[in-house]
Amino acid sequence: MTAIKILALDLETFSDVDLKKSGVYPYAESPSFEILLLGYSVNDGKIQVVDIARGETVPDEVLAALADSSVEKWAYNAQFERVCLSVWLRRNHPQYFQSYSSPEDTVGNYLDPSSWKCSRIWGAYMGLPLSLKGIGAVLKLDEQKMEEGADLIKYCC
């Protein structure tokens, strides 16, 4: 694999905590929290999907890039991905987890936000809606956000 400079990410997750009622931190910190699917693209290359729920493994280079502050990480609503991946790395791959804080600081359990870029915020800056569905409609994209996605995740969980 070539050196990772840009890593685009998308997650499908599960938790017994209601995300809309509690927010991302309690959602991700729940003992039942898990990442089901991790989609990524390295340096704007082909999209790869790792089915973690079925035992597939994330390549070591990608795991290392998650905590590397020199790698630019992109996600839609990047705060969600950053917090979820922080918890997941700490639990499942602690050798790759690296905090940007001192141990006594409350942010010590999370990845450094400085290398994360949020496409949702960039879109809002350009006047686009905050929802993927809204963005797809405004831009008249050929492929729209699938309504079935949320139902499928609920069914599978």
N, C-alpha and C. Protein backbone atom coordinates (compact mmCIF):
# COMPACT_ATOMS: atom_id res chain seq x y z
N MET A 1 0.86 -1.19 0.00
CA MET A 1 0.00 0.00 0.00
C MET A 1 0.89 1.24 0.00
N THR A 2 0.51 2.24 -0.79
CA THR A 2 1.28 3.48 -0.83
C THR A 2 1.09 4.26 0.46
N ALA A 3 1.96 5.22 0.70
CA ALA A 3 1.85 6.05 1.90
C ALA A 3 0.49 6.73 1.93
N ILE A 4 -0.15 6.68 3.07
CA ILE A 4 -1.48 7.28 3.21
C ILE A 4 -1.33 8.75 3.57
N LYS A 5 -1.86 9.61 2.70
CA LYS A 5 -1.87 11.04 2.96
C LYS A 5 -3.29 11.52 3.25
N ILE A 6 -4.27 10.91 2.56
CA ILE A 6 -5.68 11.25 2.75
C ILE A 6 -6.46 9.96 2.95
N LEU A 7 -7.29 9.95 3.99
CA LEU A 7 -8.11 8.79 4.30
C LEU A 7 -9.55 9.25 4.44
N ALA A 8 -10.40 8.82 3.51
CA ALA A 8 -11.83 9.12 3.58
C ALA A 8 -12.52 7.96 4.28
N LEU A 9 -13.44 8.27 5.19
CA LEU A 9 -14.04 7.24 6.05
C LEU A 9 -15.55 7.35 6.12
N ASP A 10 -16.19 6.21 6.31
CA ASP A 10 -17.62 6.15 6.59
C ASP A 10 -17.86 4.90 7.43
N LEU A 11 -18.69 5.05 8.45
CA LEU A 11 -18.97 3.94 9.37
C LEU A 11 -20.45 3.61 9.38
N GLU A 12 -20.74 2.35 9.64
CA GLU A 12 -22.08 1.90 10.03
C GLU A 12 -21.86 1.27 11.40
N THR A 13 -22.64 1.72 12.38
CA THR A 13 -22.41 1.32 13.77
C THR A 13 -23.69 0.83 14.43
N PHE A 14 -23.51 0.26 15.62
CA PHE A 14 -24.64 -0.16 16.45
C PHE A 14 -24.34 0.20 17.89
N SER A 15 -25.37 0.60 18.62
CA SER A 15 -25.30 0.81 20.06
C SER A 15 -26.71 0.69 20.62
N ASP A 16 -26.81 0.26 21.87
CA ASP A 16 -28.12 0.20 22.51
C ASP A 16 -28.56 1.58 23.01
N VAL A 17 -27.69 2.57 22.91
CA VAL A 17 -27.99 3.94 23.34
C VAL A 17 -28.54 4.71 22.14
N ASP A 18 -29.61 5.46 22.37
CA ASP A 18 -30.23 6.25 21.31
C ASP A 18 -29.36 7.46 21.00
N LEU A 19 -28.78 7.48 19.82
CA LEU A 19 -27.86 8.53 19.41
C LEU A 19 -28.52 9.91 19.44
N LYS A 20 -29.75 9.99 18.95
CA LYS A 20 -30.44 11.28 18.88
C LYS A 20 -30.76 11.84 20.27
N LYS A 21 -30.98 10.99 21.23
CA LYS A 21 -31.31 11.45 22.59
C LYS A 21 -30.07 11.70 23.44
N SER A 22 -28.99 10.96 23.18
CA SER A 22 -27.84 11.01 24.09
C SER A 22 -26.63 11.74 23.53
N GLY A 23 -26.48 11.75 22.21
CA GLY A 23 -25.27 12.30 21.61
C GLY A 23 -24.24 11.21 21.38
N VAL A 24 -23.16 11.57 20.68
CA VAL A 24 -22.19 10.59 20.22
C VAL A 24 -21.37 9.97 21.36
N TYR A 25 -21.03 10.74 22.40
CA TYR A 25 -20.15 10.19 23.43
C TYR A 25 -20.80 9.03 24.20
N PRO A 26 -22.00 9.19 24.77
CA PRO A 26 -22.64 8.04 25.43
C PRO A 26 -22.95 6.90 24.46
N TYR A 27 -23.30 7.24 23.24
CA TYR A 27 -23.58 6.23 22.22
C TYR A 27 -22.36 5.33 22.00
N ALA A 28 -21.22 5.95 21.78
CA ALA A 28 -20.00 5.19 21.48
C ALA A 28 -19.41 4.52 22.71
N GLU A 29 -19.58 5.11 23.87
CA GLU A 29 -19.00 4.55 25.09
C GLU A 29 -19.82 3.41 25.68
N SER A 30 -21.00 3.16 25.14
CA SER A 30 -21.82 2.05 25.62
C SER A 30 -21.08 0.73 25.42
N PRO A 31 -21.18 -0.20 26.39
CA PRO A 31 -20.54 -1.51 26.21
C PRO A 31 -21.03 -2.27 24.98
N SER A 32 -22.24 -1.95 24.51
CA SER A 32 -22.79 -2.66 23.34
C SER A 32 -22.34 -2.03 22.01
N PHE A 33 -21.68 -0.88 22.06
CA PHE A 33 -21.27 -0.20 20.83
C PHE A 33 -20.33 -1.07 20.01
N GLU A 34 -20.57 -1.07 18.70
CA GLU A 34 -19.64 -1.75 17.80
C GLU A 34 -19.72 -1.12 16.42
N ILE A 35 -18.63 -1.22 15.71
CA ILE A 35 -18.60 -0.82 14.31
C ILE A 35 -18.93 -2.05 13.49
N LEU A 36 -19.93 -1.93 12.64
CA LEU A 36 -20.36 -3.03 11.79
C LEU A 36 -19.61 -3.03 10.47
N LEU A 37 -19.58 -1.89 9.83
CA LEU A 37 -18.91 -1.73 8.54
C LEU A 37 -18.02 -0.50 8.58
N LEU A 38 -16.84 -0.61 7.99
CA LEU A 38 -15.95 0.53 7.86
C LEU A 38 -15.61 0.67 6.38
N GLY A 39 -16.06 1.77 5.80
CA GLY A 39 -15.73 2.08 4.42
C GLY A 39 -14.60 3.09 4.41
N TYR A 40 -13.65 2.91 3.50
CA TYR A 40 -12.55 3.87 3.43
C TYR A 40 -12.00 3.94 2.01
N SER A 41 -11.34 5.05 1.76
CA SER A 41 -10.64 5.27 0.50
C SER A 41 -9.30 5.89 0.86
N VAL A 42 -8.23 5.34 0.31
CA VAL A 42 -6.88 5.85 0.55
C VAL A 42 -6.47 6.73 -0.63
N ASN A 43 -6.10 7.97 -0.32
CA ASN A 43 -5.59 8.91 -1.33
C ASN A 43 -6.52 9.02 -2.54
N ASP A 44 -7.81 9.13 -2.26
CA ASP A 44 -8.85 9.27 -3.30
C ASP A 44 -8.94 8.07 -4.24
N GLY A 45 -8.48 6.92 -3.76
CA GLY A 45 -8.52 5.70 -4.56
C GLY A 45 -9.85 4.97 -4.43
N LYS A 46 -9.84 3.71 -4.82
CA LYS A 46 -11.03 2.86 -4.81
C LYS A 46 -11.56 2.71 -3.38
N ILE A 47 -12.86 2.72 -3.26
CA ILE A 47 -13.51 2.55 -1.95
C ILE A 47 -13.44 1.09 -1.54
N GLN A 48 -13.00 0.86 -0.32
CA GLN A 48 -12.94 -0.47 0.28
C GLN A 48 -13.94 -0.53 1.42
N VAL A 49 -14.59 -1.64 1.61
CA VAL A 49 -15.52 -1.82 2.73
C VAL A 49 -15.09 -3.05 3.51
N VAL A 50 -14.91 -2.86 4.81
CA VAL A 50 -14.53 -3.95 5.70
C VAL A 50 -15.76 -4.30 6.54
N ASP A 51 -16.20 -5.54 6.44
CA ASP A 51 -17.36 -6.02 7.20
C ASP A 51 -16.86 -6.56 8.53
N ILE A 52 -16.69 -5.66 9.47
CA ILE A 52 -16.15 -6.03 10.78
C ILE A 52 -17.09 -6.97 11.51
N ALA A 53 -18.39 -6.76 11.33
CA ALA A 53 -19.39 -7.61 12.00
C ALA A 53 -19.25 -9.08 11.58
N ARG A 54 -18.72 -9.32 10.40
CA ARG A 54 -18.53 -10.70 9.92
C ARG A 54 -17.10 -11.18 10.07
N GLY A 55 -16.29 -10.42 10.82
CA GLY A 55 -14.94 -10.87 11.12
C GLY A 55 -13.84 -10.40 10.19
N GLU A 56 -14.18 -9.57 9.21
CA GLU A 56 -13.12 -9.03 8.35
C GLU A 56 -12.27 -8.05 9.16
N THR A 57 -11.01 -7.91 8.77
CA THR A 57 -10.10 -7.06 9.52
C THR A 57 -9.67 -5.84 8.71
N VAL A 58 -9.48 -4.76 9.43
CA VAL A 58 -9.01 -3.51 8.83
C VAL A 58 -7.50 -3.63 8.64
N PRO A 59 -6.97 -3.26 7.48
CA PRO A 59 -5.52 -3.35 7.27
C PRO A 59 -4.74 -2.52 8.30
N ASP A 60 -3.59 -3.05 8.70
CA ASP A 60 -2.76 -2.37 9.69
C ASP A 60 -2.41 -0.95 9.28
N GLU A 61 -2.17 -0.72 7.99
CA GLU A 61 -1.81 0.62 7.51
C GLU A 61 -2.95 1.61 7.76
N VAL A 62 -4.18 1.16 7.61
CA VAL A 62 -5.34 2.02 7.84
C VAL A 62 -5.49 2.27 9.34
N LEU A 63 -5.32 1.24 10.15
CA LEU A 63 -5.39 1.41 11.61
C LEU A 63 -4.36 2.43 12.08
N ALA A 64 -3.14 2.32 11.58
CA ALA A 64 -2.08 3.26 11.97
C ALA A 64 -2.41 4.67 11.51
N ALA A 65 -3.00 4.81 10.32
CA ALA A 65 -3.32 6.13 9.78
C ALA A 65 -4.39 6.86 10.60
N LEU A 66 -5.27 6.11 11.26
CA LEU A 66 -6.33 6.72 12.05
C LEU A 66 -5.78 7.61 13.16
N ALA A 67 -4.66 7.21 13.76
CA ALA A 67 -4.08 7.98 14.86
C ALA A 67 -2.92 8.88 14.41
N ASP A 68 -2.59 8.84 13.14
CA ASP A 68 -1.47 9.63 12.62
C ASP A 68 -1.97 11.03 12.26
N SER A 69 -1.51 12.03 13.00
CA SER A 69 -1.99 13.40 12.77
C SER A 69 -1.49 14.00 11.46
N SER A 70 -0.54 13.35 10.78
CA SER A 70 -0.10 13.85 9.48
C SER A 70 -1.00 13.36 8.34
N VAL A 71 -1.89 12.42 8.64
CA VAL A 71 -2.84 11.91 7.64
C VAL A 71 -4.13 12.72 7.74
N GLU A 72 -4.55 13.30 6.63
CA GLU A 72 -5.79 14.07 6.58
C GLU A 72 -6.95 13.09 6.47
N LYS A 73 -7.86 13.14 7.45
CA LYS A 73 -9.00 12.23 7.47
C LYS A 73 -10.28 13.01 7.17
N TRP A 74 -11.06 12.49 6.22
CA TRP A 74 -12.31 13.12 5.79
C TRP A 74 -13.49 12.21 6.12
N ALA A 75 -14.56 12.82 6.59
CA ALA A 75 -15.80 12.09 6.83
C ALA A 75 -16.96 13.08 6.84
N TYR A 76 -18.12 12.59 6.51
CA TYR A 76 -19.34 13.40 6.63
C TYR A 76 -19.76 13.32 8.09
N ASN A 77 -19.77 14.45 8.77
CA ASN A 77 -19.98 14.50 10.22
C ASN A 77 -18.79 13.83 10.92
N ALA A 78 -17.63 14.36 10.68
CA ALA A 78 -16.36 13.77 11.12
C ALA A 78 -16.29 13.56 12.63
N GLN A 79 -16.96 14.38 13.42
CA GLN A 79 -16.93 14.20 14.87
C GLN A 79 -17.45 12.81 15.25
N PHE A 80 -18.49 12.36 14.59
CA PHE A 80 -19.05 11.04 14.86
C PHE A 80 -18.01 9.96 14.58
N GLU A 81 -17.41 10.00 13.39
CA GLU A 81 -16.41 8.99 13.03
C GLU A 81 -15.22 9.03 13.98
N ARG A 82 -14.77 10.23 14.32
CA ARG A 82 -13.59 10.36 15.20
C ARG A 82 -13.85 9.77 16.58
N VAL A 83 -14.99 10.08 17.16
CA VAL A 83 -15.31 9.56 18.50
C VAL A 83 -15.52 8.05 18.44
N CYS A 84 -16.28 7.58 17.46
CA CYS A 84 -16.53 6.14 17.34
C CYS A 84 -15.24 5.36 17.10
N LEU A 85 -14.40 5.86 16.22
CA LEU A 85 -13.14 5.16 15.95
C LEU A 85 -12.19 5.23 17.15
N SER A 86 -12.25 6.30 17.92
CA SER A 86 -11.44 6.39 19.14
C SER A 86 -11.80 5.27 20.11
N VAL A 87 -13.09 5.12 20.36
CA VAL A 87 -13.56 4.08 21.29
C VAL A 87 -13.21 2.70 20.74
N TRP A 88 -13.49 2.49 19.46
CA TRP A 88 -13.24 1.20 18.84
C TRP A 88 -11.75 0.84 18.87
N LEU A 89 -10.90 1.80 18.55
CA LEU A 89 -9.45 1.54 18.59
C LEU A 89 -8.99 1.21 20.01
N ARG A 90 -9.43 2.01 20.98
CA ARG A 90 -9.03 1.74 22.37
C ARG A 90 -9.42 0.34 22.80
N ARG A 91 -10.60 -0.11 22.41
CA ARG A 91 -11.09 -1.43 22.83
C ARG A 91 -10.47 -2.58 22.05
N ASN A 92 -10.29 -2.39 20.75
CA ASN A 92 -9.93 -3.51 19.89
C ASN A 92 -8.50 -3.50 19.36
N HIS A 93 -7.90 -2.33 19.29
CA HIS A 93 -6.55 -2.19 18.75
C HIS A 93 -5.78 -1.14 19.55
N PRO A 94 -5.62 -1.34 20.85
CA PRO A 94 -5.00 -0.30 21.69
C PRO A 94 -3.58 0.05 21.24
N GLN A 95 -2.91 -0.86 20.56
CA GLN A 95 -1.56 -0.57 20.08
C GLN A 95 -1.55 0.54 19.03
N TYR A 96 -2.70 0.81 18.40
CA TYR A 96 -2.79 1.86 17.39
C TYR A 96 -3.38 3.15 17.95
N PHE A 97 -4.06 3.05 19.09
CA PHE A 97 -4.70 4.26 19.63
C PHE A 97 -3.65 5.21 20.20
N GLN A 98 -3.83 6.48 19.88
CA GLN A 98 -2.93 7.51 20.39
C GLN A 98 -3.74 8.75 20.68
N SER A 99 -3.73 9.17 21.94
CA SER A 99 -4.45 10.38 22.32
C SER A 99 -3.57 11.60 22.06
N TYR A 100 -4.20 12.74 21.97
CA TYR A 100 -3.45 13.98 21.78
C TYR A 100 -3.34 14.77 23.08
N SER A 101 -3.67 14.14 24.18
CA SER A 101 -3.77 14.84 25.45
C SER A 101 -2.94 14.15 26.52
N SER A 102 -2.88 14.80 27.65
CA SER A 102 -2.23 14.19 28.80
C SER A 102 -3.23 13.25 29.48
N PRO A 103 -2.75 12.24 30.20
CA PRO A 103 -3.65 11.24 30.79
C PRO A 103 -4.71 11.82 31.74
N GLU A 104 -4.41 12.90 32.43
CA GLU A 104 -5.38 13.46 33.37
C GLU A 104 -6.43 14.35 32.71
N ASP A 105 -6.28 14.63 31.43
CA ASP A 105 -7.22 15.47 30.70
C ASP A 105 -8.42 14.63 30.26
N THR A 106 -9.60 15.23 30.23
CA THR A 106 -10.82 14.50 29.87
C THR A 106 -10.89 14.11 28.40
N VAL A 107 -10.08 14.73 27.55
CA VAL A 107 -10.11 14.38 26.14
C VAL A 107 -9.10 13.28 25.81
N GLY A 108 -8.47 12.72 26.83
CA GLY A 108 -7.44 11.72 26.62
C GLY A 108 -7.91 10.43 25.99
N ASN A 109 -9.22 10.22 25.93
CA ASN A 109 -9.75 8.98 25.37
C ASN A 109 -10.06 9.07 23.88
N TYR A 110 -9.68 10.18 23.25
CA TYR A 110 -10.10 10.39 21.86
C TYR A 110 -8.93 10.78 20.97
N LEU A 111 -9.09 10.48 19.69
CA LEU A 111 -8.09 10.82 18.69
C LEU A 111 -8.02 12.34 18.50
N ASP A 112 -6.87 12.81 18.12
CA ASP A 112 -6.62 14.22 17.87
C ASP A 112 -7.54 14.74 16.76
N PRO A 113 -8.34 15.78 17.03
CA PRO A 113 -9.25 16.29 15.99
C PRO A 113 -8.57 17.15 14.93
N SER A 114 -7.32 17.53 15.13
CA SER A 114 -6.68 18.50 14.23
C SER A 114 -6.51 18.00 12.80
N SER A 115 -6.45 16.70 12.59
CA SER A 115 -6.25 16.19 11.23
C SER A 115 -7.55 15.70 10.59
N TRP A 116 -8.68 15.96 11.23
CA TRP A 116 -9.97 15.53 10.71
C TRP A 116 -10.65 16.68 9.99
N LYS A 117 -11.23 16.38 8.84
CA LYS A 117 -11.95 17.35 8.02
C LYS A 117 -13.38 16.84 7.83
N CYS A 118 -14.33 17.75 7.96
CA CYS A 118 -15.75 17.36 7.91
C CYS A 118 -16.39 17.88 6.63
N SER A 119 -16.76 16.96 5.75
CA SER A 119 -17.39 17.35 4.49
C SER A 119 -18.78 17.95 4.71
N ARG A 120 -19.42 17.62 5.82
CA ARG A 120 -20.72 18.22 6.14
C ARG A 120 -20.56 19.71 6.39
N ILE A 121 -19.56 20.06 7.16
CA ILE A 121 -19.31 21.47 7.48
C ILE A 121 -18.85 22.23 6.23
N TRP A 122 -18.00 21.61 5.41
CA TRP A 122 -17.56 22.26 4.18
C TRP A 122 -18.76 22.50 3.27
N GLY A 123 -19.68 21.55 3.20
CA GLY A 123 -20.88 21.73 2.40
C GLY A 123 -21.75 22.86 2.93
N ALA A 124 -21.91 22.93 4.24
CA ALA A 124 -22.71 24.00 4.86
C ALA A 124 -22.08 25.36 4.58
N TYR A 125 -20.76 25.40 4.61
CA TYR A 125 -20.04 26.65 4.31
C TYR A 125 -20.36 27.14 2.90
N MET A 126 -20.63 26.20 2.01
CA MET A 126 -20.96 26.55 0.62
C MET A 126 -22.46 26.68 0.41
N GLY A 127 -23.24 26.64 1.50
CA GLY A 127 -24.68 26.85 1.40
C GLY A 127 -25.49 25.60 1.13
N LEU A 128 -24.89 24.43 1.24
CA LEU A 128 -25.62 23.19 1.01
C LEU A 128 -26.37 22.77 2.28
N PRO A 129 -27.42 21.97 2.14
CA PRO A 129 -28.15 21.46 3.32
C PRO A 129 -27.23 20.61 4.20
N LEU A 130 -27.63 20.39 5.44
CA LEU A 130 -26.83 19.60 6.37
C LEU A 130 -27.10 18.10 6.26
N SER A 131 -28.09 17.69 5.52
CA SER A 131 -28.38 16.26 5.39
C SER A 131 -27.86 15.73 4.06
N LEU A 132 -27.45 14.47 4.04
CA LEU A 132 -27.00 13.85 2.79
C LEU A 132 -28.15 13.81 1.78
N LYS A 133 -29.34 13.54 2.27
CA LYS A 133 -30.51 13.50 1.39
C LYS A 133 -30.72 14.87 0.74
N GLY A 134 -30.61 15.92 1.54
CA GLY A 134 -30.79 17.28 1.03
C GLY A 134 -29.71 17.67 0.04
N ILE A 135 -28.48 17.28 0.32
CA ILE A 135 -27.37 17.59 -0.59
C ILE A 135 -27.57 16.90 -1.93
N GLY A 136 -27.95 15.63 -1.88
CA GLY A 136 -28.18 14.88 -3.11
C GLY A 136 -29.27 15.52 -3.96
N ALA A 137 -30.33 15.98 -3.31
CA ALA A 137 -31.44 16.61 -4.04
C ALA A 137 -31.01 17.95 -4.65
N VAL A 138 -30.34 18.79 -3.87
CA VAL A 138 -29.91 20.10 -4.36
C VAL A 138 -28.93 19.97 -5.52
N LEU A 139 -28.00 19.04 -5.40
CA LEU A 139 -26.99 18.86 -6.45
C LEU A 139 -27.49 17.99 -7.61
N LYS A 140 -28.70 17.45 -7.46
CA LYS A 140 -29.30 16.60 -8.50
C LYS A 140 -28.36 15.46 -8.90
N LEU A 141 -27.83 14.80 -7.88
CA LEU A 141 -26.90 13.70 -8.11
C LEU A 141 -27.63 12.49 -8.68
N ASP A 142 -26.96 11.74 -9.52
CA ASP A 142 -27.55 10.52 -10.09
C ASP A 142 -27.87 9.51 -8.99
N GLU A 143 -26.96 9.40 -8.01
CA GLU A 143 -27.17 8.47 -6.90
C GLU A 143 -27.54 9.26 -5.66
N GLN A 144 -28.71 8.97 -5.13
CA GLN A 144 -29.22 9.66 -3.95
C GLN A 144 -29.02 8.79 -2.71
N LYS A 145 -29.15 9.40 -1.53
CA LYS A 145 -29.06 8.66 -0.28
C LYS A 145 -30.19 7.65 -0.24
N MET A 146 -29.84 6.42 0.09
CA MET A 146 -30.84 5.34 0.12
C MET A 146 -31.63 5.38 1.42
N GLU A 147 -32.93 5.48 1.30
CA GLU A 147 -33.80 5.46 2.48
C GLU A 147 -33.74 4.10 3.19
N GLU A 148 -33.47 3.05 2.41
CA GLU A 148 -33.47 1.70 2.96
C GLU A 148 -32.29 1.44 3.88
N GLY A 149 -31.25 2.26 3.81
CA GLY A 149 -30.03 2.03 4.59
C GLY A 149 -30.27 1.94 6.08
N ALA A 150 -30.98 2.91 6.64
CA ALA A 150 -31.24 2.91 8.08
C ALA A 150 -32.10 1.72 8.47
N ASP A 151 -33.09 1.41 7.65
CA ASP A 151 -33.96 0.25 7.94
C ASP A 151 -33.16 -1.05 7.90
N LEU A 152 -32.24 -1.15 6.95
CA LEU A 152 -31.42 -2.35 6.83
C LEU A 152 -30.52 -2.52 8.05
N ILE A 153 -29.91 -1.46 8.53
CA ILE A 153 -29.06 -1.55 9.72
C ILE A 153 -29.91 -1.96 10.92
N LYS A 154 -31.10 -1.37 11.09
CA LYS A 154 -31.97 -1.75 12.20
C LYS A 154 -32.35 -3.23 12.13
N TYR A 155 -32.67 -3.69 10.94
CA TYR A 155 -33.05 -5.09 10.75
C TYR A 155 -31.90 -6.01 11.10
N CYS A 156 -30.71 -5.68 10.63
CA CYS A 156 -29.54 -6.55 10.85
C CYS A 156 -29.08 -6.54 12.31
N CYS A 157 -29.43 -5.51 13.04
CA CYS A 157 -28.99 -5.43 14.44
C CYS A 157 -30.03 -5.97 15.38
